[in-house]
């Protein structure tokens, strides 16, 4: 709300509320990103970091495919070569997993669809105002879930209270949670801004930068977590860097 007031975007929010078409699309976008983040957090906490990283390598392919199929976009010959190399890299990764990558596919599909929705409304939705609508649309469900966690004494604050005091204090923990929320919104707002001027396919190609540079990528994740796929992960990295 502070950011909306400072930037003078409150009027844009009111205009969006009156635009039912944009409103329900932004609500869908909010739901998709909540599912995406929830699955990612689950994957990290449950020790499926490699599955999560694979998902964000599949995601650009899904985004580009949605641009080609839904928006009738075109890719240049050199982009076709890069796309083919990316497909080979993902196939190697999936084969190395030796299982159906449910987590990976969920992450890829949810953020790919999120990208499509944001591109669909980019021309008429202010990035900051759109983020405010997305957040408001999912807030009742998130608050309800948090109320359930409080009722069952399952929040992270309960965990801190029951610890021996050697970890973070609750004020520091609260500050980290608030800061993490703000930090995650910044790239999403920038993503919405980029959607105004870039094709969905171009955004898909650019999405390879994140997982490639992340230290949690399959190239650098511990081989102890998935020893049988170490060779396939390095082979996949080689194909991605060629792309």
Protein backbone atom coordinates (compact mmCIF):
# COMPACT_ATOMS: atom_id res chain seq x y z
CA UNK A 1 0.00 0.00 0.00
CA UNK A 2 2.86 2.36 0.81
CA UNK A 3 4.44 1.74 -2.60
CA UNK A 4 1.09 2.30 -4.31
CA UNK A 5 0.55 5.57 -2.46
CA UNK A 6 4.08 6.84 -3.09
CA UNK A 7 3.94 6.06 -6.81
CA UNK A 8 0.41 7.36 -7.22
CA UNK A 9 -0.90 3.99 -8.36
CA UNK A 10 -3.98 3.74 -6.15
CA UNK A 11 -6.13 5.08 -8.99
CA UNK A 12 -4.77 2.38 -11.27
CA UNK A 13 -5.82 -0.25 -8.74
CA UNK A 14 -9.35 1.13 -8.69
CA UNK A 15 -9.42 1.04 -12.48
CA UNK A 16 -8.30 -2.58 -12.47
CA UNK A 17 -11.05 -3.53 -10.04
CA UNK A 18 -13.55 -2.17 -12.55
CA UNK A 19 -11.94 -4.20 -15.37
CA UNK A 20 -13.41 -7.64 -14.74
CA UNK A 21 -11.41 -9.27 -17.53
CA UNK A 22 -8.07 -8.14 -16.13
CA UNK A 23 -9.25 -8.79 -12.57
CA UNK A 24 -9.92 -12.49 -12.97
CA UNK A 25 -6.76 -12.97 -15.02
CA UNK A 26 -4.68 -11.40 -12.27
CA UNK A 27 -6.44 -13.60 -9.69
CA UNK A 28 -5.45 -16.65 -11.74
CA UNK A 29 -1.88 -15.33 -11.96
CA UNK A 30 -1.79 -14.93 -8.18
CA UNK A 31 -2.99 -18.50 -7.67
CA UNK A 32 -0.42 -19.87 -10.12
CA UNK A 33 2.51 -18.13 -8.47
CA UNK A 34 1.36 -19.27 -5.01
CA UNK A 35 1.29 -22.88 -6.20
CA UNK A 36 4.69 -22.40 -7.83
CA UNK A 37 6.32 -20.98 -4.71
CA UNK A 38 4.65 -23.52 -2.42
CA UNK A 39 5.91 -26.44 -4.48
CA UNK A 40 9.38 -24.91 -4.64
CA UNK A 41 9.54 -24.43 -0.86
CA UNK A 42 8.29 -27.98 -0.33
CA UNK A 43 10.92 -29.31 -2.74
CA UNK A 44 13.75 -27.51 -0.95
CA UNK A 45 12.61 -28.49 2.55
CA UNK A 46 11.98 -32.10 1.51
CA UNK A 47 15.42 -32.48 -0.05
CA UNK A 48 14.28 -32.32 -3.69
CA UNK A 49 16.47 -29.37 -4.67
CA UNK A 50 17.54 -31.06 -7.90
CA UNK A 51 13.89 -31.63 -8.88
CA UNK A 52 13.21 -27.94 -8.27
CA UNK A 53 16.20 -26.89 -10.38
CA UNK A 54 15.12 -29.21 -13.19
CA UNK A 55 11.68 -27.59 -13.09
CA UNK A 56 13.13 -24.16 -13.69
CA UNK A 57 15.11 -25.54 -16.63
CA UNK A 58 11.93 -27.02 -18.13
CA UNK A 59 10.03 -23.78 -17.50
CA UNK A 60 11.60 -21.76 -20.36
CA UNK A 61 10.63 -24.51 -22.81
CA UNK A 62 7.04 -24.36 -21.57
CA UNK A 63 7.02 -20.55 -21.80
CA UNK A 64 8.39 -20.56 -25.35
CA UNK A 65 5.94 -23.29 -26.38
CA UNK A 66 3.00 -21.29 -25.01
CA UNK A 67 4.19 -18.26 -26.98
CA UNK A 68 4.37 -20.30 -30.18
CA UNK A 69 1.02 -22.06 -29.69
CA UNK A 70 -1.16 -19.51 -27.91
CA UNK A 71 0.23 -16.21 -29.19
CA UNK A 72 1.43 -17.37 -32.64
CA UNK A 73 4.91 -16.03 -32.01
CA UNK A 74 7.87 -17.00 -34.19
CA UNK A 75 11.46 -17.87 -33.36
CA UNK A 76 14.49 -17.14 -35.51
CA UNK A 77 16.65 -19.96 -36.92
CA UNK A 78 19.36 -19.37 -34.31
CA UNK A 79 16.72 -19.44 -31.58
CA UNK A 80 15.46 -22.74 -32.98
CA UNK A 81 18.96 -24.18 -32.59
CA UNK A 82 19.19 -22.90 -29.01
CA UNK A 83 15.72 -24.30 -28.29
CA UNK A 84 16.71 -27.72 -29.64
CA UNK A 85 19.83 -27.76 -27.47
CA UNK A 86 17.71 -26.82 -24.45
CA UNK A 87 15.32 -29.67 -25.17
CA UNK A 88 18.24 -32.12 -25.34
CA UNK A 89 19.56 -30.83 -22.01
CA UNK A 90 16.19 -31.27 -20.32
CA UNK A 91 15.74 -34.77 -21.75
CA UNK A 92 19.14 -35.76 -20.33
CA UNK A 93 18.17 -34.35 -16.94
CA UNK A 94 14.81 -36.12 -16.86
CA UNK A 95 16.33 -39.44 -17.89
CA UNK A 96 18.94 -39.00 -15.17
CA UNK A 97 16.19 -38.61 -12.58
CA UNK A 98 14.89 -42.11 -13.39
CA UNK A 99 11.40 -41.10 -12.29
CA UNK A 100 8.49 -38.98 -13.47
CA UNK A 101 9.51 -35.44 -12.40
CA UNK A 102 6.21 -34.38 -10.83
CA UNK A 103 7.74 -31.51 -8.88
CA UNK A 104 9.70 -30.32 -11.91
CA UNK A 105 6.70 -30.42 -14.22
CA UNK A 106 4.49 -28.62 -11.69
CA UNK A 107 7.01 -25.80 -11.31
CA UNK A 108 7.47 -25.50 -15.08
CA UNK A 109 3.77 -25.53 -15.94
CA UNK A 110 2.64 -23.13 -13.22
CA UNK A 111 5.24 -20.48 -13.99
CA UNK A 112 4.85 -20.98 -17.73
CA UNK A 113 1.11 -20.33 -17.42
CA UNK A 114 1.82 -17.41 -15.09
CA UNK A 115 4.04 -15.92 -17.81
CA UNK A 116 1.28 -16.37 -20.39
CA UNK A 117 -1.31 -14.64 -18.19
CA UNK A 118 1.01 -11.74 -17.40
CA UNK A 119 1.81 -11.30 -21.08
CA UNK A 120 -1.91 -11.31 -21.88
CA UNK A 121 -2.64 -8.39 -19.54
CA UNK A 122 0.69 -6.56 -19.84
CA UNK A 123 -0.53 -3.91 -22.25
CA UNK A 124 -3.30 -2.63 -19.98
CA UNK A 125 -2.09 -3.43 -16.45
CA UNK A 126 0.40 -1.35 -14.48
CA UNK A 127 3.02 -3.75 -13.01
CA UNK A 128 2.76 -2.51 -9.42
CA UNK A 129 -1.04 -2.24 -9.47
CA UNK A 130 -1.27 -5.71 -11.02
CA UNK A 131 0.92 -7.15 -8.26
CA UNK A 132 -1.34 -5.55 -5.66
CA UNK A 133 -4.41 -7.21 -7.22
CA UNK A 134 -2.63 -10.59 -7.40
CA UNK A 135 -1.68 -10.35 -3.73
CA UNK A 136 -5.16 -9.27 -2.65
CA UNK A 137 -6.79 -12.11 -4.60
CA UNK A 138 -4.84 -14.86 -2.82
CA UNK A 139 -4.59 -13.19 0.61
CA UNK A 140 -7.85 -14.65 2.03
CA UNK A 141 -6.69 -18.19 1.29
CA UNK A 142 -3.21 -17.58 2.66
CA UNK A 143 -4.58 -15.95 5.82
CA UNK A 144 -6.93 -18.89 6.28
CA UNK A 145 -4.03 -21.33 5.99
CA UNK A 146 -1.97 -19.29 8.43
CA UNK A 147 -4.90 -19.29 10.88
CA UNK A 148 -4.89 -23.09 10.63
CA UNK A 149 -1.15 -23.16 11.38
CA UNK A 150 -1.68 -20.92 14.40
CA UNK A 151 -4.53 -23.10 15.67
CA UNK A 152 -2.35 -26.20 15.39
CA UNK A 153 0.78 -24.49 16.80
CA UNK A 154 2.62 -25.24 13.56
CA UNK A 155 4.00 -21.84 12.58
CA UNK A 156 7.72 -21.12 12.41
CA UNK A 157 7.27 -18.84 15.42
CA UNK A 158 6.00 -21.79 17.45
CA UNK A 159 9.08 -23.72 16.38
CA UNK A 160 11.31 -20.87 17.59
CA UNK A 161 9.44 -20.68 20.90
CA UNK A 162 9.93 -24.40 21.50
CA UNK A 163 13.62 -24.37 20.59
CA UNK A 164 16.52 -24.10 23.01
CA UNK A 165 17.14 -20.49 22.01
CA UNK A 166 20.25 -21.18 19.98
CA UNK A 167 18.63 -20.13 16.69
CA UNK A 168 17.26 -16.82 15.47
CA UNK A 169 15.12 -14.68 17.74
CA UNK A 170 11.55 -14.12 16.61
CA UNK A 171 12.07 -10.41 15.76
CA UNK A 172 14.94 -11.33 13.44
CA UNK A 173 12.88 -14.18 11.99
CA UNK A 174 9.96 -11.80 11.38
CA UNK A 175 12.25 -9.28 9.69
CA UNK A 176 13.63 -11.99 7.42
CA UNK A 177 10.13 -13.14 6.46
CA UNK A 178 9.00 -9.59 5.64
CA UNK A 179 12.22 -8.92 3.76
CA UNK A 180 11.90 -12.15 1.78
CA UNK A 181 8.38 -11.16 0.75
CA UNK A 182 9.56 -7.79 -0.49
CA UNK A 183 12.50 -9.31 -2.35
CA UNK A 184 10.31 -11.84 -4.14
CA UNK A 185 7.92 -9.14 -5.30
CA UNK A 186 10.64 -7.03 -6.93
CA UNK A 187 11.52 -9.56 -9.69
CA UNK A 188 7.82 -10.24 -10.32
CA UNK A 189 7.14 -6.53 -10.81
CA UNK A 190 10.15 -6.29 -13.13
CA UNK A 191 8.88 -9.40 -14.94
CA UNK A 192 5.53 -7.70 -15.52
CA UNK A 193 7.33 -4.63 -16.84
CA UNK A 194 9.40 -6.76 -19.23
CA UNK A 195 6.23 -8.45 -20.50
CA UNK A 196 5.13 -5.10 -21.92
CA UNK A 197 7.97 -4.91 -24.40
CA UNK A 198 9.22 -8.47 -24.96
CA UNK A 199 7.64 -11.45 -26.65
CA UNK A 200 6.81 -14.45 -24.49
CA UNK A 201 9.42 -16.46 -26.38
CA UNK A 202 12.16 -13.94 -25.62
CA UNK A 203 11.16 -13.96 -21.97
CA UNK A 204 11.37 -17.75 -22.05
CA UNK A 205 14.94 -17.69 -23.37
CA UNK A 206 15.92 -15.12 -20.75
CA UNK A 207 14.48 -17.36 -18.02
CA UNK A 208 17.40 -19.73 -18.59
CA UNK A 209 19.73 -17.19 -16.96
CA UNK A 210 18.30 -17.68 -13.47
CA UNK A 211 18.70 -21.43 -12.99
CA UNK A 212 21.96 -21.48 -14.95
CA UNK A 213 23.57 -18.96 -12.61
CA UNK A 214 22.02 -20.27 -9.39
CA UNK A 215 24.36 -22.31 -7.19
CA UNK A 216 21.40 -24.66 -6.56
CA UNK A 217 21.35 -25.73 -10.20
CA UNK A 218 21.85 -29.42 -11.02
CA UNK A 219 25.43 -28.65 -12.09
CA UNK A 220 26.49 -27.67 -8.59
CA UNK A 221 24.04 -29.47 -6.31
CA UNK A 222 25.42 -32.21 -4.15
CA UNK A 223 25.88 -35.52 -5.92
CA UNK A 224 25.03 -37.24 -2.65
CA UNK A 225 21.41 -36.15 -3.07
CA UNK A 226 21.11 -37.99 -6.37
CA UNK A 227 24.34 -39.89 -7.06
CA UNK A 228 23.09 -41.87 -10.05
CA UNK A 229 22.38 -38.72 -12.04
CA UNK A 230 25.66 -36.85 -11.50
CA UNK A 231 26.92 -37.66 -15.00
CA UNK A 232 23.64 -36.72 -16.63
CA UNK A 233 23.57 -33.39 -14.78
CA UNK A 234 27.02 -32.44 -16.03
CA UNK A 235 26.15 -33.57 -19.56
CA UNK A 236 22.97 -31.49 -19.40
CA UNK A 237 24.95 -28.45 -18.27
CA UNK A 238 27.17 -28.80 -21.31
CA UNK A 239 24.19 -28.76 -23.68
CA UNK A 240 22.63 -25.76 -21.88
CA UNK A 241 25.83 -23.74 -22.07
CA UNK A 242 26.01 -24.52 -25.80
CA UNK A 243 22.45 -23.22 -26.12
